[in-house]
N, C-alpha and C. Protein backbone atom coordinates (compact mmCIF):
# COMPACT_ATOMS: atom_id res chain seq x y z
N MET A 1 10.29 -109.99 -25.73
CA MET A 1 9.59 -109.25 -26.77
C MET A 1 8.26 -108.76 -26.24
N GLY A 2 7.80 -107.69 -26.81
CA GLY A 2 6.53 -107.14 -26.40
C GLY A 2 5.37 -107.82 -27.09
N ASP A 3 4.20 -107.51 -26.64
CA ASP A 3 3.00 -108.07 -27.26
C ASP A 3 2.72 -107.37 -28.58
N VAL A 4 2.11 -108.13 -29.48
CA VAL A 4 1.73 -107.58 -30.77
C VAL A 4 0.45 -106.79 -30.58
N VAL A 5 0.41 -105.58 -31.13
CA VAL A 5 -0.74 -104.69 -30.97
C VAL A 5 -1.35 -104.43 -32.34
N ASN A 6 -2.64 -104.62 -32.44
CA ASN A 6 -3.36 -104.30 -33.67
C ASN A 6 -3.63 -102.80 -33.66
N LEU A 7 -2.97 -102.07 -34.55
CA LEU A 7 -3.06 -100.62 -34.54
C LEU A 7 -4.46 -100.12 -34.85
N LYS A 8 -5.18 -100.84 -35.69
CA LYS A 8 -6.55 -100.43 -36.03
C LYS A 8 -7.44 -100.47 -34.79
N ARG A 9 -7.32 -101.56 -34.00
CA ARG A 9 -8.09 -101.66 -32.76
C ARG A 9 -7.67 -100.58 -31.77
N PHE A 10 -6.37 -100.33 -31.72
CA PHE A 10 -5.85 -99.32 -30.80
C PHE A 10 -6.41 -97.94 -31.14
N LYS A 11 -6.41 -97.59 -32.44
CA LYS A 11 -6.96 -96.30 -32.87
C LYS A 11 -8.44 -96.21 -32.58
N LYS A 12 -9.17 -97.30 -32.87
CA LYS A 12 -10.62 -97.29 -32.62
C LYS A 12 -10.91 -97.13 -31.13
N ARG A 13 -10.14 -97.80 -30.28
CA ARG A 13 -10.36 -97.69 -28.84
C ARG A 13 -10.09 -96.27 -28.37
N ASN A 14 -9.01 -95.66 -28.87
CA ASN A 14 -8.70 -94.27 -28.49
C ASN A 14 -9.78 -93.32 -28.96
N GLU A 15 -10.29 -93.50 -30.17
CA GLU A 15 -11.36 -92.64 -30.68
C GLU A 15 -12.63 -92.81 -29.86
N ARG A 16 -12.92 -94.03 -29.47
CA ARG A 16 -14.11 -94.30 -28.66
C ARG A 16 -13.99 -93.63 -27.30
N GLU A 17 -12.81 -93.74 -26.68
CA GLU A 17 -12.60 -93.10 -25.38
C GLU A 17 -12.69 -91.59 -25.48
N ALA A 18 -12.16 -91.02 -26.54
CA ALA A 18 -12.25 -89.57 -26.74
C ALA A 18 -13.71 -89.15 -26.94
N SER A 19 -14.46 -89.98 -27.66
CA SER A 19 -15.88 -89.69 -27.88
C SER A 19 -16.66 -89.72 -26.57
N VAL A 20 -16.33 -90.67 -25.72
CA VAL A 20 -17.00 -90.76 -24.42
C VAL A 20 -16.67 -89.54 -23.56
N LYS A 21 -15.42 -89.11 -23.58
CA LYS A 21 -15.03 -87.92 -22.81
C LYS A 21 -15.76 -86.68 -23.31
N GLN A 22 -15.87 -86.55 -24.64
CA GLN A 22 -16.56 -85.40 -25.22
C GLN A 22 -18.04 -85.43 -24.85
N ALA A 23 -18.63 -86.61 -24.87
CA ALA A 23 -20.05 -86.74 -24.51
C ALA A 23 -20.27 -86.36 -23.05
N ASP A 24 -19.37 -86.77 -22.17
CA ASP A 24 -19.49 -86.39 -20.76
C ASP A 24 -19.39 -84.88 -20.58
N ALA A 25 -18.47 -84.27 -21.30
CA ALA A 25 -18.31 -82.82 -21.21
C ALA A 25 -19.56 -82.12 -21.73
N ASN A 26 -20.13 -82.61 -22.82
CA ASN A 26 -21.35 -82.00 -23.36
C ASN A 26 -22.51 -82.18 -22.41
N ARG A 27 -22.61 -83.34 -21.76
CA ARG A 27 -23.69 -83.55 -20.79
C ARG A 27 -23.58 -82.57 -19.64
N ALA A 28 -22.35 -82.35 -19.17
CA ALA A 28 -22.15 -81.43 -18.06
C ALA A 28 -22.44 -79.99 -18.48
N ARG A 29 -22.11 -79.67 -19.73
CA ARG A 29 -22.27 -78.29 -20.19
C ARG A 29 -23.70 -77.96 -20.59
N PHE A 30 -24.33 -78.86 -21.32
CA PHE A 30 -25.64 -78.55 -21.88
C PHE A 30 -26.79 -79.30 -21.21
N GLY A 31 -26.50 -80.28 -20.39
CA GLY A 31 -27.56 -81.10 -19.81
C GLY A 31 -28.06 -80.60 -18.48
N ARG A 32 -28.29 -79.31 -18.37
CA ARG A 32 -28.75 -78.75 -17.11
C ARG A 32 -30.15 -78.19 -17.26
N THR A 33 -30.87 -78.17 -16.17
CA THR A 33 -32.22 -77.63 -16.21
C THR A 33 -32.18 -76.11 -16.21
N LYS A 34 -33.31 -75.52 -16.50
CA LYS A 34 -33.40 -74.07 -16.56
C LYS A 34 -33.12 -73.46 -15.18
N SER A 35 -33.60 -74.10 -14.12
CA SER A 35 -33.37 -73.57 -12.78
C SER A 35 -31.89 -73.64 -12.40
N GLU A 36 -31.19 -74.71 -12.83
CA GLU A 36 -29.76 -74.81 -12.54
C GLU A 36 -28.98 -73.71 -13.27
N ARG A 37 -29.37 -73.46 -14.51
CA ARG A 37 -28.71 -72.39 -15.26
C ARG A 37 -28.98 -71.04 -14.60
N ALA A 38 -30.21 -70.83 -14.13
CA ALA A 38 -30.57 -69.56 -13.48
C ALA A 38 -29.78 -69.38 -12.19
N LEU A 39 -29.62 -70.46 -11.41
CA LEU A 39 -28.84 -70.37 -10.18
C LEU A 39 -27.39 -70.03 -10.47
N ASP A 40 -26.82 -70.63 -11.50
CA ASP A 40 -25.45 -70.32 -11.86
C ASP A 40 -25.31 -68.87 -12.31
N GLU A 41 -26.27 -68.40 -13.06
CA GLU A 41 -26.24 -67.01 -13.53
C GLU A 41 -26.35 -66.05 -12.35
N GLN A 42 -27.22 -66.36 -11.39
CA GLN A 42 -27.35 -65.51 -10.20
C GLN A 42 -26.05 -65.50 -9.39
N ALA A 43 -25.43 -66.65 -9.23
CA ALA A 43 -24.18 -66.73 -8.47
C ALA A 43 -23.08 -65.93 -9.17
N LYS A 44 -23.04 -66.02 -10.49
CA LYS A 44 -22.03 -65.28 -11.25
C LYS A 44 -22.26 -63.77 -11.11
N GLU A 45 -23.53 -63.37 -11.18
CA GLU A 45 -23.87 -61.95 -11.06
C GLU A 45 -23.55 -61.44 -9.66
N ARG A 46 -23.86 -62.24 -8.64
CA ARG A 46 -23.57 -61.87 -7.26
C ARG A 46 -22.07 -61.69 -7.04
N ALA A 47 -21.29 -62.61 -7.59
CA ALA A 47 -19.83 -62.52 -7.44
C ALA A 47 -19.30 -61.27 -8.15
N GLY A 48 -19.84 -60.97 -9.32
CA GLY A 48 -19.42 -59.78 -10.04
C GLY A 48 -19.77 -58.52 -9.29
N ASN A 49 -20.96 -58.47 -8.72
CA ASN A 49 -21.37 -57.30 -7.94
C ASN A 49 -20.50 -57.12 -6.70
N LEU A 50 -20.16 -58.21 -6.04
CA LEU A 50 -19.32 -58.14 -4.86
C LEU A 50 -17.94 -57.62 -5.23
N LEU A 51 -17.42 -58.09 -6.35
CA LEU A 51 -16.13 -57.63 -6.81
C LEU A 51 -16.18 -56.14 -7.16
N ASP A 52 -17.25 -55.70 -7.81
CA ASP A 52 -17.39 -54.30 -8.17
C ASP A 52 -17.51 -53.40 -6.94
N GLN A 53 -18.10 -53.91 -5.87
CA GLN A 53 -18.26 -53.11 -4.65
C GLN A 53 -16.90 -52.84 -4.00
N HIS A 54 -15.93 -53.74 -4.21
CA HIS A 54 -14.63 -53.56 -3.59
C HIS A 54 -13.63 -52.88 -4.48
N ARG A 55 -14.08 -52.44 -5.64
CA ARG A 55 -13.21 -51.77 -6.58
C ARG A 55 -12.90 -50.36 -6.08
N ILE A 56 -11.67 -49.96 -6.24
CA ILE A 56 -11.26 -48.61 -5.86
C ILE A 56 -11.27 -47.77 -7.13
N ASP A 57 -12.12 -46.77 -7.14
CA ASP A 57 -12.22 -45.89 -8.31
C ASP A 57 -11.18 -44.78 -8.21
N GLY A 58 -10.77 -44.33 -9.35
CA GLY A 58 -9.84 -43.22 -9.39
C GLY A 58 -8.45 -43.67 -9.79
N GLY A 59 -7.80 -42.83 -10.50
CA GLY A 59 -6.44 -43.14 -10.92
C GLY A 59 -6.40 -44.06 -12.11
N ASP A 60 -5.20 -44.31 -12.51
CA ASP A 60 -4.97 -45.15 -13.67
C ASP A 60 -4.85 -46.60 -13.22
N ALA A 61 -5.41 -47.50 -13.97
CA ALA A 61 -5.38 -48.91 -13.61
C ALA A 61 -4.04 -49.55 -13.93
N SER A 62 -3.18 -48.87 -14.69
CA SER A 62 -1.91 -49.48 -15.09
C SER A 62 -0.82 -49.22 -14.13
């Protein structure tokens, strides 16, 4: 026979783990300094400009 599981504890543990994962995601997303955000924005802009430089103009895109 299997072990007896208290479903209330099981649900609480799952909710707690989900809360921890959400908190980690929020820290990664919003817990950055202004300079880190500026560096990311510059890198994104640089990549976009590089992609635009290699674009072939003319004709239909479809």
